[in-house]
Amino acid sequence: MKQAAWLFLLLLMWGDMHASASEMFDARLQGDIGLAGYSTRAIVEGTQDDLSVLPYLDFTYDRFFARVDTFGYKAKQLGYGYLEVIARFNQDGFRTDIPALSGLSTRQSSLPVGLGTLQVTPLGGVFFNVFHDINKSGGNWAELIYGAKFTASGVVFYPMLGVDYQSADYTGYYYGVSEQEAISSRFASYVPASAVNVFIGLIVDVGLSRNWHLNAYVRHKRLDDSIYLSPIVTRRYLDTVYLALSYRY
């Protein structure tokens, strides 16, 4: 399954290398490159909030693009945007070599690849992405996000509203407790169903000078009962923030 997913995505990219002349892309770097501090609040018992300093990338170059944690290739024109081959950098795994999670196996972070699109319509931007985890969970998920844009006092605001679906394979790997784990740990066996989570978010873009920008992001996600009722989950809400300083090309 993993090899087939990779092969399909590579063939899609290769088959569109010779695009029509009407689809011209600028072979220049356009967008933001910088450094950001990222924080994700822990929802699993005994684990710590994830704090990291990583590159901040939000740019396009020819058909290739980076959108913070999502990287891709614009394969074919589609409506107000393109059909995109995408991959995402996730840090959803966690170690279990701590007393609170003794007896559970470590959950590795997912390696999601898939297809998506960004539709920049007159009424706002719409993201629709579908992923398959080619790592341990083998799960699937999809997300639909609407984003608007407005400016006040020179500061640009991007409010967002979204929903994501996570398959039972995905939720089971990260939040389930197998019968064997139930025997060796203090947790009861738990097999979660698929999950539908809703979230709101906001991006703030502040121009500091001609090319330097400060970008802030916050997202508040309500977890589906199938995740929240897991015996290893301690919070209903998953909060993510970052603060980035970047140079705009």
C-alpha atoms as a PDB file:
ATOM      1  CA  MET A   1       0.000   0.000   0.000  1.00  0.00           C
ATOM      2  CA  LYS A   2       2.812   2.414   0.848  1.00  0.00           C
ATOM      3  CA  GLN A   3       4.652   1.718  -2.405  1.00  0.00           C
ATOM      4  CA  ALA A   4       1.452   2.082  -4.433  1.00  0.00           C
ATOM      5  CA  ALA A   5       0.674   5.458  -2.857  1.00  0.00           C
ATOM      6  CA  TRP A   6       4.151   6.776  -3.630  1.00  0.00           C
ATOM      7  CA  LEU A   7       4.027   5.434  -7.191  1.00  0.00           C
ATOM      8  CA  PHE A   8       0.667   7.058  -7.874  1.00  0.00           C
ATOM      9  CA  LEU A   9       1.836  10.455  -6.639  1.00  0.00           C
ATOM     10  CA  LEU A  10       5.090  10.302  -8.596  1.00  0.00           C
ATOM     11  CA  LEU A  11       3.278   9.315 -11.786  1.00  0.00           C
ATOM     12  CA  LEU A  12       0.864  12.206 -11.362  1.00  0.00           C
ATOM     13  CA  MET A  13       3.768  14.658 -11.081  1.00  0.00           C
ATOM     14  CA  TRP A  14       5.687  13.107 -13.979  1.00  0.00           C
ATOM     15  CA  GLY A  15       2.672  12.967 -16.255  1.00  0.00           C
ATOM     16  CA  ASP A  16       2.152  16.709 -15.961  1.00  0.00           C
ATOM     17  CA  MET A  17       5.748  17.857 -16.476  1.00  0.00           C
ATOM     18  CA  HIS A  18       4.928  18.915 -20.020  1.00  0.00           C
ATOM     19  CA  ALA A  19       2.076  21.285 -19.155  1.00  0.00           C
ATOM     20  CA  SER A  20       0.465  23.471 -21.786  1.00  0.00           C
ATOM     21  CA  ALA A  21       1.993  26.850 -22.497  1.00  0.00           C
ATOM     22  CA  SER A  22      -1.057  28.536 -20.967  1.00  0.00           C
ATOM     23  CA  GLU A  23       0.019  27.279 -17.525  1.00  0.00           C
ATOM     24  CA  MET A  24       3.086  29.408 -16.870  1.00  0.00           C
ATOM     25  CA  PHE A  25       4.767  29.464 -13.464  1.00  0.00           C
ATOM     26  CA  ASP A  26       7.260  31.988 -12.178  1.00  0.00           C
ATOM     27  CA  ALA A  27      10.632  30.354 -11.520  1.00  0.00           C
ATOM     28  CA  ARG A  28      11.355  32.809  -8.724  1.00  0.00           C
ATOM     29  CA  LEU A  29      11.109  32.395  -4.997  1.00  0.00           C
ATOM     30  CA  GLN A  30       8.041  34.283  -3.761  1.00  0.00           C
ATOM     31  CA  GLY A  31       6.931  34.297  -0.160  1.00  0.00           C
ATOM     32  CA  ASP A  32       8.320  34.065   3.351  1.00  0.00           C
ATOM     33  CA  ILE A  33      11.357  32.260   4.781  1.00  0.00           C
ATOM     34  CA  GLY A  34      12.285  32.609   8.434  1.00  0.00           C
ATOM     35  CA  LEU A  35      12.342  31.012  11.849  1.00  0.00           C
ATOM     36  CA  ALA A  36       9.453  30.221  14.166  1.00  0.00           C
ATOM     37  CA  GLY A  37       8.684  28.955  17.623  1.00  0.00           C
ATOM     38  CA  TYR A  38       5.955  26.297  17.584  1.00  0.00           C
ATOM     39  CA  SER A  39       3.888  25.016  20.489  1.00  0.00           C
ATOM     40  CA  THR A  40       1.263  22.272  20.641  1.00  0.00           C
ATOM     41  CA  ARG A  41      -0.524  21.529  23.899  1.00  0.00           C
ATOM     42  CA  ALA A  42      -0.267  17.926  25.054  1.00  0.00           C
ATOM     43  CA  ILE A  43      -3.493  15.914  25.207  1.00  0.00           C
ATOM     44  CA  VAL A  44      -2.031  12.512  26.176  1.00  0.00           C
ATOM     45  CA  GLU A  45      -1.582  11.736  29.856  1.00  0.00           C
ATOM     46  CA  GLY A  46       1.938  12.271  31.163  1.00  0.00           C
ATOM     47  CA  THR A  47       3.334  13.858  27.991  1.00  0.00           C
ATOM     48  CA  GLN A  48       4.705  17.392  27.819  1.00  0.00           C
ATOM     49  CA  ASP A  49       3.587  20.246  25.583  1.00  0.00           C
ATOM     50  CA  ASP A  50       5.585  20.146  22.354  1.00  0.00           C
ATOM     51  CA  LEU A  51       7.852  23.200  22.036  1.00  0.00           C
ATOM     52  CA  SER A  52      10.199  23.543  19.071  1.00  0.00           C
ATOM     53  CA  VAL A  53      12.096  26.095  17.001  1.00  0.00           C
ATOM     54  CA  LEU A  54      12.018  25.240  13.294  1.00  0.00           C
ATOM     55  CA  PRO A  55      12.262  26.940   9.903  1.00  0.00           C
ATOM     56  CA  TYR A  56       9.228  28.917   8.819  1.00  0.00           C
ATOM     57  CA  LEU A  57       8.442  28.373   5.128  1.00  0.00           C
ATOM     58  CA  ASP A  58       5.525  29.894   3.250  1.00  0.00           C
ATOM     59  CA  PHE A  59       6.518  30.349  -0.393  1.00  0.00           C
ATOM     60  CA  THR A  60       6.085  29.267  -4.000  1.00  0.00           C
ATOM     61  CA  TYR A  61       8.754  28.458  -6.561  1.00  0.00           C
ATOM     62  CA  ASP A  62       7.622  27.431 -10.021  1.00  0.00           C
ATOM     63  CA  ARG A  63       5.110  24.603  -9.341  1.00  0.00           C
ATOM     64  CA  PHE A  64       6.489  23.839  -5.885  1.00  0.00           C
ATOM     65  CA  PHE A  65       5.234  25.367  -2.653  1.00  0.00           C
ATOM     66  CA  ALA A  66       5.539  25.295   1.107  1.00  0.00           C
ATOM     67  CA  ARG A  67       2.727  26.288   3.476  1.00  0.00           C
ATOM     68  CA  VAL A  68       4.291  26.051   6.933  1.00  0.00           C
ATOM     69  CA  ASP A  69       3.746  22.309   7.543  1.00  0.00           C
ATOM     70  CA  THR A  70       2.484  21.314   4.090  1.00  0.00           C
ATOM     71  CA  PHE A  71       4.687  20.900   1.017  1.00  0.00           C
ATOM     72  CA  GLY A  72       3.625  20.163  -2.485  1.00  0.00           C
ATOM     73  CA  TYR A  73       3.576  20.377  -6.246  1.00  0.00           C
ATOM     74  CA  LYS A  74       0.857  22.014  -8.372  1.00  0.00           C
ATOM     75  CA  ALA A  75      -0.002  19.274 -10.827  1.00  0.00           C
ATOM     76  CA  LYS A  76      -3.038  20.408 -12.815  1.00  0.00           C
ATOM     77  CA  GLN A  77      -5.186  23.501 -13.046  1.00  0.00           C
ATOM     78  CA  LEU A  78      -8.468  23.025 -11.207  1.00  0.00           C
ATOM     79  CA  GLY A  79     -11.120  25.729 -10.809  1.00  0.00           C
ATOM     80  CA  TYR A  80      -9.674  28.718  -8.933  1.00  0.00           C
ATOM     81  CA  GLY A  81      -6.480  26.812  -8.146  1.00  0.00           C
ATOM     82  CA  TYR A  82      -4.661  23.550  -8.824  1.00  0.00           C
ATOM     83  CA  LEU A  83      -4.794  19.880  -8.043  1.00  0.00           C
ATOM     84  CA  GLU A  84      -1.796  19.451  -5.757  1.00  0.00           C
ATOM     85  CA  VAL A  85       0.401  16.536  -4.729  1.00  0.00           C
ATOM     86  CA  ILE A  86       1.101  17.160  -1.045  1.00  0.00           C
ATOM     87  CA  ALA A  87       2.991  15.906   1.975  1.00  0.00           C
ATOM     88  CA  ARG A  88       2.836  17.140   5.537  1.00  0.00           C
ATOM     89  CA  PHE A  89       5.319  17.389   8.384  1.00  0.00           C
ATOM     90  CA  ASN A  90       3.629  16.116  11.531  1.00  0.00           C
ATOM     91  CA  GLN A  91       4.740  15.745  15.130  1.00  0.00           C
ATOM     92  CA  ASP A  92       1.766  13.719  16.325  1.00  0.00           C
ATOM     93  CA  GLY A  93       3.769  10.837  17.747  1.00  0.00           C
ATOM     94  CA  PHE A  94       4.781  10.447  21.392  1.00  0.00           C
ATOM     95  CA  ARG A  95       7.091   8.325  23.494  1.00  0.00           C
ATOM     96  CA  THR A  96       5.738   6.049  26.181  1.00  0.00           C
ATOM     97  CA  ASP A  97       8.914   5.433  28.207  1.00  0.00           C
ATOM     98  CA  ILE A  98       7.500   7.444  31.104  1.00  0.00           C
ATOM     99  CA  PRO A  99       5.769   6.161  34.262  1.00  0.00           C
ATOM    100  CA  ALA A 100       2.347   7.502  33.267  1.00  0.00           C
ATOM    101  CA  LEU A 101       2.328   5.473  30.016  1.00  0.00           C
ATOM    102  CA  SER A 102       4.190   2.389  31.169  1.00  0.00           C
ATOM    103  CA  GLY A 103       3.094  -0.692  29.258  1.00  0.00           C
ATOM    104  CA  LEU A 104       2.123   1.149  26.064  1.00  0.00           C
ATOM    105  CA  SER A 105       4.092   1.072  22.827  1.00  0.00           C
ATOM    106  CA  THR A 106       5.601   4.263  21.419  1.00  0.00           C
ATOM    107  CA  ARG A 107       3.520   6.019  18.773  1.00  0.00           C
ATOM    108  CA  GLN A 108       5.597   7.186  15.813  1.00  0.00           C
ATOM    109  CA  SER A 109       4.765  10.439  14.050  1.00  0.00           C
ATOM    110  CA  SER A 110       2.780  10.057  10.845  1.00  0.00           C
ATOM    111  CA  LEU A 111       4.190  10.548   7.324  1.00  0.00           C
ATOM    112  CA  PRO A 112       1.162  11.838   5.425  1.00  0.00           C
ATOM    113  CA  VAL A 113       1.058  12.123   1.640  1.00  0.00           C
ATOM    114  CA  GLY A 114      -1.920  12.806  -0.570  1.00  0.00           C
ATOM    115  CA  LEU A 115      -3.787  15.147  -2.874  1.00  0.00           C
ATOM    116  CA  GLY A 116      -5.318  18.537  -2.242  1.00  0.00           C
ATOM    117  CA  THR A 117      -6.275  21.900  -3.602  1.00  0.00           C
ATOM    118  CA  LEU A 118      -6.313  25.549  -2.593  1.00  0.00           C
ATOM    119  CA  GLN A 119      -9.179  27.421  -4.237  1.00  0.00           C
ATOM    120  CA  VAL A 120      -8.696  31.199  -4.035  1.00  0.00           C
ATOM    121  CA  THR A 121     -12.236  32.364  -4.756  1.00  0.00           C
ATOM    122  CA  PRO A 122     -13.728  35.873  -4.673  1.00  0.00           C
ATOM    123  CA  LEU A 123     -15.306  34.916  -1.333  1.00  0.00           C
ATOM    124  CA  GLY A 124     -12.130  33.616   0.316  1.00  0.00           C
ATOM    125  CA  GLY A 125      -9.758  30.688   0.225  1.00  0.00           C
ATOM    126  CA  VAL A 126     -10.851  27.059   0.503  1.00  0.00           C
ATOM    127  CA  PHE A 127      -8.424  24.226   1.289  1.00  0.00           C
ATOM    128  CA  PHE A 128      -9.400  20.605   0.717  1.00  0.00           C
ATOM    129  CA  ASN A 129      -6.760  17.948   1.415  1.00  0.00           C
ATOM    130  CA  VAL A 130      -6.837  14.159   1.631  1.00  0.00           C
ATOM    131  CA  PHE A 131      -3.919  12.256   3.203  1.00  0.00           C
ATOM    132  CA  HIS A 132      -2.741   8.699   3.744  1.00  0.00           C
ATOM    133  CA  ASP A 133      -0.215   7.949   6.470  1.00  0.00           C
ATOM    134  CA  ILE A 134       2.523   5.816   4.917  1.00  0.00           C
ATOM    135  CA  ASN A 135       4.028   5.223   8.367  1.00  0.00           C
ATOM    136  CA  LYS A 136       2.792   2.999  11.196  1.00  0.00           C
ATOM    137  CA  SER A 137      -0.868   3.962  11.536  1.00  0.00           C
ATOM    138  CA  GLY A 138      -1.756   3.408   7.862  1.00  0.00           C
ATOM    139  CA  GLY A 139      -4.678   5.739   8.500  1.00  0.00           C
ATOM    140  CA  ASN A 140      -6.414   8.285   6.305  1.00  0.00           C
ATOM    141  CA  TRP A 141      -7.740  11.720   6.989  1.00  0.00           C
ATOM    142  CA  ALA A 142      -9.244  14.659   5.154  1.00  0.00           C
ATOM    143  CA  GLU A 143      -9.608  18.332   5.968  1.00  0.00           C
ATOM    144  CA  LEU A 144     -11.757  21.175   4.695  1.00  0.00           C
ATOM    145  CA  ILE A 145     -10.781  24.717   5.681  1.00  0.00           C
ATOM    146  CA  TYR A 146     -12.246  28.104   4.812  1.00  0.00           C
ATOM    147  CA  GLY A 147     -10.129  31.222   5.255  1.00  0.00           C
ATOM    148  CA  ALA A 148     -11.043  34.895   4.858  1.00  0.00           C
ATOM    149  CA  LYS A 149      -8.836  37.986   4.766  1.00  0.00           C
ATOM    150  CA  PHE A 150      -9.163  41.528   6.048  1.00  0.00           C
ATOM    151  CA  THR A 151      -6.825  44.368   6.932  1.00  0.00           C
ATOM    152  CA  ALA A 152      -6.994  46.779   9.876  1.00  0.00           C
ATOM    153  CA  SER A 153      -4.401  49.481  10.667  1.00  0.00           C
ATOM    154  CA  GLY A 154      -1.943  47.881   8.269  1.00  0.00           C
ATOM    155  CA  VAL A 155      -2.189  44.464   9.925  1.00  0.00           C
ATOM    156  CA  VAL A 156      -3.550  41.556   7.856  1.00  0.00           C
ATOM    157  CA  PHE A 157      -5.864  39.033   9.537  1.00  0.00           C
ATOM    158  CA  TYR A 158      -6.804  35.600   8.194  1.00  0.00           C
ATOM    159  CA  PRO A 159      -9.605  33.996  10.256  1.00  0.00           C
ATOM    160  CA  MET A 160     -10.211  30.313   9.511  1.00  0.00           C
ATOM    161  CA  LEU A 161     -12.872  27.702  10.134  1.00  0.00           C
ATOM    162  CA  GLY A 162     -12.293  24.019   9.454  1.00  0.00           C
ATOM    163  CA  VAL A 163     -13.198  20.398   9.984  1.00  0.00           C
ATOM    164  CA  ASP A 164     -11.106  17.260   9.667  1.00  0.00           C
ATOM    165  CA  TYR A 165     -11.888  13.565   9.471  1.00  0.00           C
ATOM    166  CA  GLN A 166      -9.546  10.895  10.850  1.00  0.00           C
ATOM    167  CA  SER A 167     -10.086   7.236  10.049  1.00  0.00           C
ATOM    168  CA  ALA A 168     -10.346   4.522  12.694  1.00  0.00           C
ATOM    169  CA  ASP A 169      -6.887   3.242  11.712  1.00  0.00           C
ATOM    170  CA  TYR A 170      -5.407   6.637  12.573  1.00  0.00           C
ATOM    171  CA  THR A 171      -7.304   7.193  15.840  1.00  0.00           C
ATOM    172  CA  GLY A 172      -6.758   3.569  16.856  1.00  0.00           C
ATOM    173  CA  TYR A 173      -2.996   3.798  16.458  1.00  0.00           C
ATOM    174  CA  TYR A 174      -2.583   7.036  18.424  1.00  0.00           C
ATOM    175  CA  TYR A 175      -5.384   6.886  20.985  1.00  0.00           C
ATOM    176  CA  GLY A 176      -6.400   3.239  21.200  1.00  0.00           C
ATOM    177  CA  VAL A 177      -5.249   0.734  23.806  1.00  0.00           C
ATOM    178  CA  SER A 178      -4.805  -2.822  22.554  1.00  0.00           C
ATOM    179  CA  GLU A 179      -5.714  -5.883  24.626  1.00  0.00           C
ATOM    180  CA  GLN A 180      -2.016  -6.658  25.088  1.00  0.00           C
ATOM    181  CA  GLU A 181      -1.341  -3.077  26.228  1.00  0.00           C
ATOM    182  CA  ALA A 182      -4.276  -3.295  28.641  1.00  0.00           C
ATOM    183  CA  ILE A 183      -2.662  -6.354  30.258  1.00  0.00           C
ATOM    184  CA  SER A 184       0.736  -4.681  30.640  1.00  0.00           C
ATOM    185  CA  SER A 185      -0.496  -1.197  31.606  1.00  0.00           C
ATOM    186  CA  ARG A 186      -3.008   0.404  33.947  1.00  0.00           C
ATOM    187  CA  PHE A 187      -5.339   1.380  31.082  1.00  0.00           C
ATOM    188  CA  ALA A 188      -8.452  -0.421  29.951  1.00  0.00           C
ATOM    189  CA  SER A 189      -8.615  -1.714  26.392  1.00  0.00           C
ATOM    190  CA  TYR A 190     -10.054   0.886  24.020  1.00  0.00           C
ATOM    191  CA  VAL A 191     -10.818   0.783  20.293  1.00  0.00           C
ATOM    192  CA  PRO A 192     -11.820   4.239  19.014  1.00  0.00           C
ATOM    193  CA  ALA A 193     -13.984   4.831  15.970  1.00  0.00           C
ATOM    194  CA  SER A 194     -13.193   7.385  13.284  1.00  0.00           C
ATOM    195  CA  ALA A 195     -13.244  11.027  14.370  1.00  0.00           C
ATOM    196  CA  VAL A 196     -14.580  14.317  13.056  1.00  0.00           C
ATOM    197  CA  ASN A 197     -12.927  17.324  14.691  1.00  0.00           C
ATOM    198  CA  VAL A 198     -13.821  20.989  14.218  1.00  0.00           C
ATOM    199  CA  PHE A 199     -11.506  23.941  14.715  1.00  0.00           C
ATOM    200  CA  ILE A 200     -11.120  27.678  14.407  1.00  0.00           C
ATOM    201  CA  GLY A 201      -7.910  29.550  13.735  1.00  0.00           C
ATOM    202  CA  LEU A 202      -6.390  32.944  13.094  1.00  0.00           C
ATOM    203  CA  ILE A 203      -3.238  34.084  11.280  1.00  0.00           C
ATOM    204  CA  VAL A 204      -1.929  37.606  11.874  1.00  0.00           C
ATOM    205  CA  ASP A 205       0.626  39.163   9.495  1.00  0.00           C
ATOM    206  CA  VAL A 206       2.429  42.289  10.721  1.00  0.00           C
ATOM    207  CA  GLY A 207       4.812  44.136   8.398  1.00  0.00           C
ATOM    208  CA  LEU A 208       7.864  45.280  10.353  1.00  0.00           C
ATOM    209  CA  SER A 209       9.705  46.867   7.429  1.00  0.00           C
ATOM    210  CA  ARG A 210       9.754  46.598   3.669  1.00  0.00           C
ATOM    211  CA  ASN A 211      10.603  42.887   3.684  1.00  0.00           C
ATOM    212  CA  TRP A 212      10.520  41.685   7.308  1.00  0.00           C
ATOM    213  CA  HIS A 213       7.281  40.316   8.718  1.00  0.00           C
ATOM    214  CA  LEU A 214       6.026  38.947  11.996  1.00  0.00           C
ATOM    215  CA  ASN A 215       3.497  36.127  11.639  1.00  0.00           C
ATOM    216  CA  ALA A 216       1.420  34.688  14.450  1.00  0.00           C
ATOM    217  CA  TYR A 217      -0.983  31.754  14.348  1.00  0.00           C
ATOM    218  CA  VAL A 218      -3.374  30.159  16.815  1.00  0.00           C
ATOM    219  CA  ARG A 219      -5.706  27.176  16.309  1.00  0.00           C
ATOM    220  CA  HIS A 220      -8.262  25.756  18.745  1.00  0.00           C
ATOM    221  CA  LYS A 221      -9.555  22.272  17.871  1.00  0.00           C
ATOM    222  CA  ARG A 222     -12.396  20.404  19.568  1.00  0.00           C
ATOM    223  CA  LEU A 223     -11.707  16.679  19.587  1.00  0.00           C
ATOM    224  CA  ASP A 224     -14.346  14.130  18.683  1.00  0.00           C
ATOM    225  CA  ASP A 225     -15.635  11.878  21.478  1.00  0.00           C
ATOM    226  CA  SER A 226     -13.854   8.878  19.947  1.00  0.00           C
ATOM    227  CA  ILE A 227     -10.543  10.596  20.794  1.00  0.00           C
ATOM    228  CA  TYR A 228     -11.542  12.390  23.989  1.00  0.00           C
ATOM    229  CA  LEU A 229     -12.978   9.233  25.593  1.00  0.00           C
ATOM    230  CA  SER A 230      -9.695   7.370  25.189  1.00  0.00           C
ATOM    231  CA  PRO A 231      -8.281   6.430  28.610  1.00  0.00           C
ATOM    232  CA  ILE A 232      -4.936   8.013  27.684  1.00  0.00           C
ATOM    233  CA  VAL A 233      -6.397  11.383  26.591  1.00  0.00           C
ATOM    234  CA  THR A 234      -6.789  14.107  29.216  1.00  0.00           C
ATOM    235  CA  ARG A 235      -8.058  17.141  27.282  1.00  0.00           C
ATOM    236  CA  ARG A 236     -10.999  17.838  24.994  1.00  0.00           C
ATOM    237  CA  TYR A 237      -9.225  20.624  23.084  1.00  0.00           C
ATOM    238  CA  LEU A 238      -5.992  20.647  21.097  1.00  0.00           C
ATOM    239  CA  ASP A 239      -4.332  24.070  20.874  1.00  0.00           C
ATOM    240  CA  THR A 240      -1.536  24.976  18.474  1.00  0.00           C
ATOM    241  CA  VAL A 241       0.330  28.280  18.144  1.00  0.00           C
ATOM    242  CA  TYR A 242       3.405  29.648  16.433  1.00  0.00           C
ATOM    243  CA  LEU A 243       5.236  32.950  16.197  1.00  0.00           C
ATOM    244  CA  ALA A 244       7.516  33.531  13.202  1.00  0.00           C
ATOM    245  CA  LEU A 245       9.933  36.171  12.016  1.00  0.00           C
ATOM    246  CA  SER A 246      10.403  35.967   8.253  1.00  0.00           C
ATOM    247  CA  TYR A 247      11.879  37.713   5.240  1.00  0.00           C
ATOM    248  CA  ARG A 248       9.471  38.160   2.332  1.00  0.00           C
ATOM    249  CA  TYR A 249      10.828  37.657  -1.172  1.00  0.00           C
END
